[in-house]
């Protein structure tokens, strides 16, 4: 298609040329990054998976390509799928963030980079809050404040009735 575009769509009508231009633009938009990736990058040696149940197809494909697989396994997943099992809760954002960040720091230090997270004191480490937990906390506080405001009014009414 690109060769046709370079030649000015010789032998095709103007309408067909425009249709080919649209197809080329769409392919370039959707797949252009893959072409750059294939030419510049080398194949990774390791795959890190947070949820092996959801990513089973990707794990099998990585195994076929000869990649080593690190996976965070919960009690409900098959540890035979991965080469290196990390026993932990794979359902919460905090545990996944902690483990992945420590692995990323280990990789960075092996390559001579800066460690951002691993092996720091507890005071220096700040874990991200789960947004749902923050929302629930705000709702609980609002309910608590609402109830604490309502209780004195009810208590006054009960005292007046006696």
N, C-alpha and C. Protein backbone atom coordinates (compact mmCIF):
# COMPACT_ATOMS: atom_id res chain seq x y z
N UNK A 1 0.82 -1.19 0.00
CA UNK A 1 0.00 0.00 0.00
C UNK A 1 0.87 1.26 0.00
N UNK A 2 1.94 1.22 0.81
CA UNK A 2 2.80 2.39 0.87
C UNK A 2 3.50 2.63 -0.46
N UNK A 3 3.84 1.54 -1.16
CA UNK A 3 4.46 1.68 -2.48
C UNK A 3 3.48 2.32 -3.46
N UNK A 4 2.21 1.91 -3.38
CA UNK A 4 1.19 2.52 -4.24
C UNK A 4 1.07 4.01 -3.93
N UNK A 5 1.13 4.34 -2.65
CA UNK A 5 1.01 5.74 -2.25
C UNK A 5 2.20 6.55 -2.78
N UNK A 6 3.40 5.98 -2.73
CA UNK A 6 4.58 6.68 -3.24
C UNK A 6 4.49 6.92 -4.74
N UNK A 7 3.90 5.97 -5.45
CA UNK A 7 3.77 6.08 -6.91
C UNK A 7 2.57 6.92 -7.32
N UNK A 8 1.81 7.43 -6.37
CA UNK A 8 0.66 8.27 -6.70
C UNK A 8 -0.54 7.48 -7.17
N UNK A 9 -0.64 6.23 -6.78
CA UNK A 9 -1.77 5.35 -7.11
C UNK A 9 -1.97 5.25 -8.62
N UNK A 10 -0.90 5.03 -9.34
CA UNK A 10 -1.00 4.88 -10.80
C UNK A 10 -1.84 3.66 -11.13
N UNK A 11 -2.81 3.85 -12.00
CA UNK A 11 -3.70 2.77 -12.41
C UNK A 11 -4.95 2.68 -11.54
N UNK A 12 -5.08 3.57 -10.56
CA UNK A 12 -6.26 3.58 -9.69
C UNK A 12 -6.98 4.91 -9.85
N UNK A 13 -8.28 4.88 -9.59
CA UNK A 13 -9.05 6.12 -9.66
C UNK A 13 -8.75 6.98 -8.44
N UNK A 14 -9.20 8.23 -8.52
CA UNK A 14 -8.98 9.16 -7.42
C UNK A 14 -9.68 8.67 -6.14
N UNK A 15 -10.87 8.14 -6.31
CA UNK A 15 -11.64 7.64 -5.17
C UNK A 15 -10.92 6.46 -4.51
N UNK A 16 -10.41 5.54 -5.30
CA UNK A 16 -9.67 4.40 -4.76
C UNK A 16 -8.40 4.86 -4.03
N UNK A 17 -7.74 5.88 -4.58
CA UNK A 17 -6.56 6.44 -3.94
C UNK A 17 -6.88 7.02 -2.58
N UNK A 18 -8.01 7.73 -2.48
CA UNK A 18 -8.42 8.30 -1.19
C UNK A 18 -8.76 7.20 -0.18
N UNK A 19 -9.40 6.13 -0.66
CA UNK A 19 -9.71 5.01 0.24
C UNK A 19 -8.43 4.36 0.76
N UNK A 20 -7.43 4.21 -0.13
CA UNK A 20 -6.14 3.65 0.31
C UNK A 20 -5.46 4.59 1.30
N UNK A 21 -5.57 5.90 1.08
CA UNK A 21 -4.98 6.86 2.03
C UNK A 21 -5.61 6.70 3.41
N UNK A 22 -6.93 6.54 3.45
CA UNK A 22 -7.62 6.35 4.73
C UNK A 22 -7.17 5.06 5.42
N UNK A 23 -7.05 3.98 4.62
CA UNK A 23 -6.61 2.71 5.20
C UNK A 23 -5.19 2.81 5.74
N UNK A 24 -4.32 3.47 4.99
CA UNK A 24 -2.93 3.63 5.43
C UNK A 24 -2.87 4.47 6.70
N UNK A 25 -3.67 5.54 6.76
CA UNK A 25 -3.69 6.39 7.96
C UNK A 25 -4.18 5.61 9.18
N UNK A 26 -5.21 4.79 8.97
CA UNK A 26 -5.74 3.99 10.08
C UNK A 26 -4.72 2.96 10.55
N UNK A 27 -4.08 2.28 9.61
CA UNK A 27 -3.05 1.30 9.98
C UNK A 27 -1.87 1.97 10.68
N UNK A 28 -1.48 3.13 10.18
CA UNK A 28 -0.37 3.86 10.79
C UNK A 28 -0.72 4.26 12.22
N UNK A 29 -1.97 4.69 12.42
CA UNK A 29 -2.41 5.11 13.76
C UNK A 29 -2.41 3.93 14.72
N UNK A 30 -2.94 2.79 14.27
CA UNK A 30 -3.09 1.63 15.16
C UNK A 30 -1.83 0.79 15.30
N UNK A 31 -1.03 0.69 14.26
CA UNK A 31 0.09 -0.24 14.28
C UNK A 31 1.45 0.41 14.06
N UNK A 32 1.50 1.72 13.90
CA UNK A 32 2.76 2.40 13.63
C UNK A 32 3.78 2.23 14.74
N UNK A 33 3.31 2.21 15.98
CA UNK A 33 4.22 2.05 17.11
C UNK A 33 4.89 0.70 17.14
N UNK A 34 4.19 -0.32 16.65
CA UNK A 34 4.76 -1.67 16.64
C UNK A 34 5.95 -1.73 15.69
N UNK A 35 5.85 -1.04 14.57
CA UNK A 35 6.96 -1.02 13.62
C UNK A 35 8.20 -0.40 14.27
N UNK A 36 8.01 0.71 14.99
CA UNK A 36 9.14 1.35 15.67
C UNK A 36 9.69 0.45 16.77
N UNK A 37 8.80 -0.19 17.49
CA UNK A 37 9.21 -1.07 18.58
C UNK A 37 10.03 -2.25 18.05
N UNK A 38 9.58 -2.83 16.97
CA UNK A 38 10.27 -3.99 16.41
C UNK A 38 11.66 -3.63 15.90
N UNK A 39 11.82 -2.42 15.39
CA UNK A 39 13.11 -2.05 14.83
C UNK A 39 14.11 -1.60 15.90
N UNK A 40 13.63 -0.99 16.98
CA UNK A 40 14.53 -0.41 17.98
C UNK A 40 14.82 -1.31 19.17
N UNK A 41 13.83 -2.02 19.63
CA UNK A 41 13.94 -2.71 20.92
C UNK A 41 14.36 -4.16 20.74
N UNK A 42 14.87 -4.69 21.83
CA UNK A 42 15.17 -6.11 21.86
C UNK A 42 14.09 -6.80 22.69
N UNK A 43 13.95 -8.08 22.51
CA UNK A 43 12.96 -8.85 23.22
C UNK A 43 13.31 -8.89 24.70
N UNK A 44 12.34 -8.66 25.59
CA UNK A 44 12.64 -8.73 27.02
C UNK A 44 12.96 -10.17 27.43
N UNK A 45 13.63 -10.31 28.56
CA UNK A 45 13.99 -11.63 29.06
C UNK A 45 13.03 -12.13 30.12
N UNK A 46 12.25 -11.21 30.69
CA UNK A 46 11.40 -11.54 31.83
C UNK A 46 10.03 -10.91 31.64
N UNK A 47 9.01 -11.59 32.14
CA UNK A 47 7.66 -11.04 32.18
C UNK A 47 7.19 -11.06 33.62
N UNK A 48 6.65 -9.93 34.09
CA UNK A 48 6.15 -9.84 35.46
C UNK A 48 4.63 -9.72 35.38
N UNK A 49 3.93 -10.60 36.09
CA UNK A 49 2.47 -10.66 36.02
C UNK A 49 1.88 -10.46 37.40
N UNK A 50 0.86 -9.61 37.48
CA UNK A 50 0.21 -9.35 38.76
C UNK A 50 -0.92 -10.33 39.03
N UNK A 51 -1.63 -10.75 38.01
CA UNK A 51 -2.75 -11.66 38.20
C UNK A 51 -2.69 -12.79 37.17
N UNK A 52 -2.09 -13.92 37.53
CA UNK A 52 -1.90 -14.99 36.55
C UNK A 52 -3.20 -15.61 36.03
N UNK A 53 -4.27 -15.51 36.77
CA UNK A 53 -5.55 -16.06 36.30
C UNK A 53 -6.04 -15.25 35.11
N UNK A 54 -5.97 -13.93 35.20
CA UNK A 54 -6.45 -13.07 34.12
C UNK A 54 -5.49 -13.05 32.94
N UNK A 55 -4.21 -13.28 33.18
CA UNK A 55 -3.20 -13.18 32.13
C UNK A 55 -2.64 -14.53 31.71
N UNK A 56 -3.45 -15.56 31.80
CA UNK A 56 -2.96 -16.92 31.50
C UNK A 56 -2.50 -17.05 30.05
N UNK A 57 -3.23 -16.45 29.13
CA UNK A 57 -2.85 -16.54 27.71
C UNK A 57 -1.51 -15.85 27.48
N UNK A 58 -1.33 -14.69 28.10
CA UNK A 58 -0.06 -13.97 27.95
C UNK A 58 1.10 -14.77 28.54
N UNK A 59 0.84 -15.45 29.65
CA UNK A 59 1.89 -16.26 30.28
C UNK A 59 2.28 -17.42 29.36
N UNK A 60 1.30 -18.09 28.79
CA UNK A 60 1.59 -19.21 27.88
C UNK A 60 2.37 -18.72 26.65
N UNK A 61 2.00 -17.56 26.15
CA UNK A 61 2.72 -16.99 25.00
C UNK A 61 4.16 -16.64 25.37
N UNK A 62 4.35 -16.08 26.56
CA UNK A 62 5.70 -15.74 27.03
C UNK A 62 6.55 -17.00 27.18
N UNK A 63 5.95 -18.06 27.68
CA UNK A 63 6.67 -19.33 27.83
C UNK A 63 7.12 -19.85 26.46
N UNK A 64 6.23 -19.72 25.45
CA UNK A 64 6.58 -20.17 24.11
C UNK A 64 7.75 -19.37 23.55
N UNK A 65 7.81 -18.09 23.93
CA UNK A 65 8.90 -17.23 23.46
C UNK A 65 10.18 -17.42 24.27
N UNK A 66 10.10 -18.20 25.35
CA UNK A 66 11.28 -18.47 26.17
C UNK A 66 11.53 -17.46 27.27
N UNK A 67 10.53 -16.67 27.63
CA UNK A 67 10.68 -15.68 28.69
C UNK A 67 10.49 -16.34 30.06
N UNK A 68 11.20 -15.85 31.04
CA UNK A 68 10.98 -16.27 32.43
C UNK A 68 9.80 -15.45 32.96
N UNK A 69 8.93 -16.09 33.72
CA UNK A 69 7.72 -15.43 34.21
C UNK A 69 7.75 -15.34 35.72
N UNK A 70 7.69 -14.10 36.23
CA UNK A 70 7.50 -13.83 37.65
C UNK A 70 6.02 -13.51 37.82
N UNK A 71 5.35 -14.14 38.78
CA UNK A 71 3.93 -13.89 38.96
C UNK A 71 3.57 -13.82 40.44
N UNK A 72 2.67 -12.89 40.75
CA UNK A 72 2.14 -12.77 42.11
C UNK A 72 0.97 -13.74 42.19
N UNK A 73 1.11 -14.78 43.01
CA UNK A 73 0.09 -15.81 43.10
C UNK A 73 -0.67 -15.71 44.41
N UNK A 74 -1.98 -15.74 44.29
CA UNK A 74 -2.88 -15.83 45.42
C UNK A 74 -3.18 -17.31 45.65
N UNK A 75 -4.01 -17.62 46.61
CA UNK A 75 -4.32 -19.02 46.90
C UNK A 75 -5.18 -19.67 45.83
N UNK A 76 -5.79 -18.85 44.96
CA UNK A 76 -6.71 -19.41 43.96
C UNK A 76 -6.07 -19.57 42.58
N UNK A 77 -4.76 -19.47 42.46
CA UNK A 77 -4.13 -19.58 41.14
C UNK A 77 -3.15 -20.74 41.09
N UNK A 78 -2.86 -21.18 39.88
CA UNK A 78 -1.99 -22.33 39.66
C UNK A 78 -0.53 -21.88 39.61
N UNK A 79 0.29 -22.26 40.58
CA UNK A 79 1.69 -21.81 40.58
C UNK A 79 2.55 -22.48 39.52
N UNK A 80 2.06 -23.54 38.89
CA UNK A 80 2.83 -24.22 37.85
C UNK A 80 2.96 -23.37 36.58
N UNK A 81 2.11 -22.35 36.44
CA UNK A 81 2.15 -21.52 35.24
C UNK A 81 3.42 -20.67 35.17
N UNK A 82 3.93 -20.24 36.32
CA UNK A 82 5.05 -19.30 36.31
C UNK A 82 6.34 -19.97 36.77
N UNK A 83 7.45 -19.36 36.38
CA UNK A 83 8.76 -19.87 36.76
C UNK A 83 9.13 -19.45 38.18
N UNK A 84 8.77 -18.23 38.54
CA UNK A 84 9.08 -17.70 39.87
C UNK A 84 7.79 -17.23 40.51
N UNK A 85 7.43 -17.88 41.61
CA UNK A 85 6.17 -17.59 42.30
C UNK A 85 6.43 -16.59 43.42
N UNK A 86 5.60 -15.54 43.47
CA UNK A 86 5.64 -14.58 44.56
C UNK A 86 4.31 -14.75 45.30
N UNK A 87 4.32 -15.40 46.48
CA UNK A 87 3.06 -15.60 47.20
C UNK A 87 2.62 -14.30 47.86
N UNK A 88 1.51 -13.77 47.40
CA UNK A 88 0.98 -12.51 47.96
C UNK A 88 -0.45 -12.33 47.46
N UNK A 89 -1.11 -11.33 48.02
CA UNK A 89 -2.46 -11.00 47.60
C UNK A 89 -2.38 -10.27 46.26
N UNK A 90 -2.98 -10.85 45.23
CA UNK A 90 -2.93 -10.21 43.92
C UNK A 90 -4.19 -9.41 43.62
N UNK A 91 -5.00 -9.13 44.64
CA UNK A 91 -6.25 -8.42 44.43
C UNK A 91 -6.20 -6.95 44.86
N UNK A 92 -5.26 -6.58 45.72
CA UNK A 92 -5.23 -5.21 46.21
C UNK A 92 -4.14 -4.40 45.52
N UNK A 93 -4.43 -3.14 45.33
CA UNK A 93 -3.48 -2.25 44.65
C UNK A 93 -2.22 -2.05 45.48
N UNK A 94 -2.36 -2.00 46.80
CA UNK A 94 -1.19 -1.75 47.65
C UNK A 94 -0.17 -2.88 47.55
N UNK A 95 -0.63 -4.13 47.62
CA UNK A 95 0.33 -5.24 47.57
C UNK A 95 0.97 -5.35 46.20
N UNK A 96 0.19 -5.14 45.15
CA UNK A 96 0.75 -5.20 43.80
C UNK A 96 1.77 -4.08 43.61
N UNK A 97 1.42 -2.87 44.05
CA UNK A 97 2.33 -1.73 43.92
C UNK A 97 3.62 -1.98 44.68
N UNK A 98 3.51 -2.50 45.88
CA UNK A 98 4.69 -2.76 46.70
C UNK A 98 5.63 -3.75 46.00
N UNK A 99 5.09 -4.86 45.56
CA UNK A 99 5.91 -5.91 44.96
C UNK A 99 6.50 -5.47 43.62
N UNK A 100 5.69 -4.87 42.77
CA UNK A 100 6.17 -4.45 41.46
C UNK A 100 7.23 -3.36 41.60
N UNK A 101 7.03 -2.45 42.55
CA UNK A 101 8.02 -1.39 42.74
C UNK A 101 9.33 -1.94 43.25
N UNK A 102 9.28 -2.90 44.15
CA UNK A 102 10.52 -3.51 44.64
C UNK A 102 11.23 -4.25 43.51
N UNK A 103 10.47 -4.96 42.68
CA UNK A 103 11.08 -5.63 41.53
C UNK A 103 11.69 -4.61 40.56
N UNK A 104 10.98 -3.51 40.33
CA UNK A 104 11.50 -2.48 39.43
C UNK A 104 12.78 -1.87 39.98
N UNK A 105 12.83 -1.65 41.30
CA UNK A 105 14.05 -1.11 41.91
C UNK A 105 15.20 -2.10 41.81
N UNK A 106 14.91 -3.39 41.97
CA UNK A 106 15.96 -4.40 41.85
C UNK A 106 16.52 -4.42 40.42
N UNK A 107 15.63 -4.30 39.45
CA UNK A 107 16.07 -4.26 38.05
C UNK A 107 16.88 -2.99 37.79
N UNK A 108 16.41 -1.86 38.33
CA UNK A 108 17.14 -0.59 38.14
C UNK A 108 18.52 -0.65 38.77
N UNK A 109 18.62 -1.22 39.97
CA UNK A 109 19.93 -1.29 40.62
C UNK A 109 20.86 -2.25 39.89
N UNK A 110 20.31 -3.32 39.32
CA UNK A 110 21.14 -4.25 38.55
C UNK A 110 21.69 -3.60 37.29
N UNK A 111 20.94 -2.66 36.75
CA UNK A 111 21.39 -1.95 35.55
C UNK A 111 22.21 -0.71 35.91
N UNK A 112 22.40 -0.46 37.19
CA UNK A 112 23.19 0.69 37.61
C UNK A 112 22.37 1.95 37.79
N UNK A 113 21.05 1.82 37.86
CA UNK A 113 20.18 2.98 38.03
C UNK A 113 19.93 3.28 39.49
N UNK A 114 19.04 4.24 39.74
CA UNK A 114 18.73 4.69 41.09
C UNK A 114 17.55 3.90 41.65
N UNK A 115 17.69 3.47 42.89
CA UNK A 115 16.57 2.79 43.56
C UNK A 115 15.62 3.86 44.09
N UNK A 116 14.36 3.70 43.79
CA UNK A 116 13.39 4.69 44.22
C UNK A 116 12.59 4.25 45.44
N UNK A 117 12.56 2.95 45.72
CA UNK A 117 11.62 2.47 46.72
C UNK A 117 12.21 1.43 47.66
N UNK A 118 12.89 0.46 47.12
CA UNK A 118 13.32 -0.71 47.89
C UNK A 118 14.36 -0.35 48.94
N UNK A 119 14.30 -1.07 50.03
CA UNK A 119 15.28 -0.99 51.11
C UNK A 119 15.37 0.39 51.74
N UNK A 120 14.26 1.09 51.79
CA UNK A 120 14.21 2.37 52.49
C UNK A 120 13.49 2.16 53.81
N UNK A 121 13.67 3.10 54.74
CA UNK A 121 13.00 2.97 56.03
C UNK A 121 11.51 3.20 55.86
N UNK A 122 10.73 2.76 56.84
CA UNK A 122 9.28 2.87 56.77
C UNK A 122 8.82 4.32 56.66
N UNK A 123 9.57 5.25 57.26
CA UNK A 123 9.18 6.65 57.22
C UNK A 123 9.32 7.23 55.82
N UNK A 124 10.24 6.69 55.04
CA UNK A 124 10.48 7.21 53.70
C UNK A 124 9.52 6.64 52.66
N UNK A 125 8.85 5.55 52.99
CA UNK A 125 7.97 4.87 52.03
C UNK A 125 6.55 5.38 52.19
N UNK A 126 5.96 5.79 51.08
CA UNK A 126 4.57 6.22 51.06
C UNK A 126 3.84 5.37 50.03
N UNK A 127 2.92 4.54 50.50
CA UNK A 127 2.15 3.69 49.59
C UNK A 127 0.97 4.48 49.04
N UNK A 128 0.59 4.24 47.80
CA UNK A 128 -0.57 4.94 47.25
C UNK A 128 -1.85 4.43 47.91
N UNK A 129 -2.78 5.34 48.11
CA UNK A 129 -4.06 4.96 48.70
C UNK A 129 -4.96 4.43 47.60
N UNK A 130 -5.73 3.44 47.95
CA UNK A 130 -6.72 2.92 47.03
C UNK A 130 -7.83 3.97 46.93
N UNK A 131 -8.19 4.47 45.73
CA UNK A 131 -9.20 5.51 45.63
C UNK A 131 -10.55 5.10 46.21
N UNK A 132 -10.88 3.82 46.10
CA UNK A 132 -12.15 3.36 46.67
C UNK A 132 -12.12 3.44 48.19
N UNK A 133 -10.95 3.15 48.78
CA UNK A 133 -10.84 3.22 50.23
C UNK A 133 -10.98 4.66 50.70
N UNK A 134 -10.43 5.61 49.94
CA UNK A 134 -10.55 7.02 50.31
C UNK A 134 -12.01 7.47 50.23
N UNK A 135 -12.72 7.03 49.19
CA UNK A 135 -14.13 7.38 49.06
C UNK A 135 -14.93 6.79 50.22
N UNK A 136 -14.67 5.53 50.55
CA UNK A 136 -15.38 4.89 51.65
C UNK A 136 -15.09 5.59 52.97
N UNK A 137 -13.84 6.02 53.17
CA UNK A 137 -13.47 6.72 54.39
C UNK A 137 -14.24 8.04 54.49
N UNK A 138 -14.33 8.77 53.37
CA UNK A 138 -15.07 10.03 53.37
C UNK A 138 -16.55 9.79 53.66
N UNK A 139 -17.12 8.74 53.09
CA UNK A 139 -18.53 8.43 53.33
C UNK A 139 -18.76 8.08 54.79
N UNK A 140 -17.84 7.26 55.36
CA UNK A 140 -17.98 6.90 56.77
C UNK A 140 -17.88 8.12 57.66
N UNK A 141 -16.94 9.02 57.37
CA UNK A 141 -16.81 10.24 58.16
C UNK A 141 -18.06 11.11 58.05
N UNK A 142 -18.61 11.21 56.85
CA UNK A 142 -19.83 12.00 56.66
C UNK A 142 -20.98 11.40 57.45
N UNK A 143 -21.12 10.06 57.40
CA UNK A 143 -22.18 9.40 58.18
C UNK A 143 -21.98 9.60 59.67
N UNK A 144 -20.73 9.49 60.11
CA UNK A 144 -20.42 9.67 61.53
C UNK A 144 -20.76 11.09 61.96
N UNK A 145 -20.37 12.07 61.17
CA UNK A 145 -20.67 13.46 61.50
C UNK A 145 -22.17 13.71 61.50
N UNK A 146 -22.86 13.10 60.55
CA UNK A 146 -24.31 13.25 60.47
C UNK A 146 -24.98 12.65 61.71
N UNK A 147 -24.53 11.46 62.10
CA UNK A 147 -25.10 10.80 63.27
C UNK A 147 -24.76 11.54 64.55
N UNK A 148 -23.54 12.06 64.66
CA UNK A 148 -23.15 12.75 65.89
C UNK A 148 -23.92 14.06 66.03
N UNK A 149 -24.29 14.71 64.92
CA UNK A 149 -25.10 15.92 64.99
C UNK A 149 -26.54 15.58 65.34
N UNK A 150 -27.03 14.45 64.86
CA UNK A 150 -28.42 14.06 65.10
C UNK A 150 -28.61 13.58 66.53
N UNK A 151 -27.63 12.96 67.15
CA UNK A 151 -27.78 12.41 68.49
C UNK A 151 -28.03 13.47 69.56
N UNK A 152 -27.34 14.61 69.58
CA UNK A 152 -27.65 15.61 70.61
C UNK A 152 -29.07 16.14 70.49
N UNK A 153 -29.59 16.30 69.28
CA UNK A 153 -30.95 16.78 69.10
C UNK A 153 -31.94 15.77 69.68
N UNK A 154 -31.71 14.48 69.40
CA UNK A 154 -32.60 13.44 69.92
C UNK A 154 -32.52 13.39 71.43
N UNK A 155 -31.34 13.56 71.98
CA UNK A 155 -31.17 13.53 73.43
C UNK A 155 -31.91 14.69 74.07
N UNK A 156 -31.87 15.88 73.47
CA UNK A 156 -32.59 17.04 74.01
C UNK A 156 -34.09 16.79 73.97
N UNK A 157 -34.57 16.22 72.87
CA UNK A 157 -36.00 15.94 72.75
C UNK A 157 -36.44 14.93 73.80
N UNK A 158 -35.62 13.91 74.07
CA UNK A 158 -35.97 12.91 75.07
C UNK A 158 -35.99 13.52 76.47
N UNK A 159 -35.07 14.42 76.77
CA UNK A 159 -35.04 15.08 78.09
C UNK A 159 -36.26 15.96 78.27
N UNK A 160 -36.69 16.66 77.20
CA UNK A 160 -37.85 17.53 77.27
C UNK A 160 -39.13 16.73 77.46
N UNK A 161 -39.19 15.54 76.89
CA UNK A 161 -40.38 14.70 77.00
C UNK A 161 -40.53 14.13 78.41
N UNK A 162 -39.45 14.00 79.18
CA UNK A 162 -39.53 13.44 80.52
C UNK A 162 -40.03 14.47 81.43
